[in-house]
Amino acid sequence: MRELDALRKLLEKREEYFDKRGALNSEGIKLLKIIARGAIRENPLRRKAFREALRERSYESVRKLAERLEELKGGLSPS
């Protein structure tokens, strides 16, 4: 899941993509929109999760998005 790797990059480079209050800066928003386009193209059911993260634009909302995608990834893989 490439978008999950990209979200991790976004979260790991907090000083680059978030301001000091923890809100996405313009570069972070651009990257999240690019990630969202690809992820939604693959699976339109992800639209709601990305919409919430883009509306809130906080570090916490992006972290929750990554957790949701990780859960989906885990739920789709064979046990």
Protein backbone atom coordinates (compact mmCIF):
# COMPACT_ATOMS: atom_id res chain seq x y z
CA MET A 1 0.00 0.00 0.00
CA ARG A 2 1.98 2.95 -1.30
CA GLU A 3 -0.28 5.57 0.23
CA LEU A 4 0.41 4.19 3.69
CA ASP A 5 4.16 4.61 3.12
CA ALA A 6 3.60 8.16 1.91
CA LEU A 7 1.47 8.96 4.97
CA ARG A 8 4.22 7.62 7.21
CA LYS A 9 6.68 9.94 5.47
CA LEU A 10 4.31 12.84 6.06
CA LEU A 11 4.05 11.96 9.76
CA GLU A 12 7.78 11.32 10.24
CA LYS A 13 8.77 14.66 8.74
CA ARG A 14 6.52 16.64 11.01
CA GLU A 15 8.66 19.79 10.96
CA GLU A 16 8.54 19.84 7.15
CA TYR A 17 4.80 19.28 6.60
CA PHE A 18 3.16 20.68 9.75
CA ASP A 19 3.33 24.06 11.43
CA LYS A 20 4.19 24.55 15.10
CA ARG A 21 0.51 24.18 16.11
CA GLY A 22 0.31 20.76 14.44
CA ALA A 23 -1.70 21.82 11.39
CA LEU A 24 -0.74 20.80 7.87
CA ASN A 25 1.14 23.52 6.01
CA SER A 26 0.71 24.12 2.27
CA GLU A 27 3.29 21.47 1.31
CA GLY A 28 1.64 18.95 3.61
CA ILE A 29 -1.77 19.66 2.14
CA LYS A 30 -0.43 19.21 -1.40
CA LEU A 31 1.16 15.88 -0.48
CA LEU A 32 -1.97 14.64 1.30
CA LYS A 33 -4.11 15.55 -1.73
CA ILE A 34 -1.77 13.65 -4.05
CA ILE A 35 -1.88 10.62 -1.74
CA ALA A 36 -5.68 10.87 -1.55
CA ARG A 37 -6.12 11.00 -5.33
CA GLY A 38 -4.19 7.77 -5.82
CA ALA A 39 -5.77 5.98 -2.88
CA ILE A 40 -9.32 6.95 -3.86
CA ARG A 41 -8.68 5.95 -7.46
CA GLU A 42 -7.70 2.47 -6.17
CA ASN A 43 -10.61 2.23 -3.74
CA PRO A 44 -13.38 4.87 -3.74
CA LEU A 45 -14.50 3.75 -0.25
CA ARG A 46 -11.47 5.57 1.19
CA ARG A 47 -12.89 8.96 0.17
CA LYS A 48 -14.60 9.60 3.52
CA ALA A 49 -11.46 8.94 5.57
CA PHE A 50 -9.36 11.26 3.41
CA ARG A 51 -12.08 13.92 3.39
CA GLU A 52 -12.05 14.01 7.20
CA ALA A 53 -8.26 14.33 7.35
CA LEU A 54 -8.26 17.10 4.74
CA ARG A 55 -11.02 18.98 6.55
CA GLU A 56 -9.29 18.87 9.94
CA ARG A 57 -5.72 19.21 8.59
CA SER A 58 -4.18 18.27 11.94
CA TYR A 59 -1.35 15.92 12.79
CA GLU A 60 -3.80 13.84 14.80
CA SER A 61 -6.25 13.49 11.90
CA VAL A 62 -3.48 12.35 9.54
CA ARG A 63 -2.27 9.86 12.17
CA LYS A 64 -5.82 8.48 12.53
CA LEU A 65 -6.06 8.18 8.74
CA ALA A 66 -2.85 6.17 8.65
CA GLU A 67 -4.20 3.90 11.40
CA ARG A 68 -7.44 3.34 9.49
CA LEU A 69 -5.57 2.45 6.32
CA GLU A 70 -3.32 0.11 8.31
CA GLU A 71 -6.43 -1.62 9.71
CA LEU A 72 -7.86 -1.98 6.20
CA LYS A 73 -4.59 -3.41 4.99
CA GLY A 74 -4.55 -5.90 7.84
CA GLY A 75 -8.18 -6.85 7.25
CA LEU A 76 -7.58 -7.54 3.56
CA SER A 77 -4.53 -9.76 3.90
CA PRO A 78 -5.03 -13.51 4.24
CA SER A 79 -4.37 -14.98 7.70
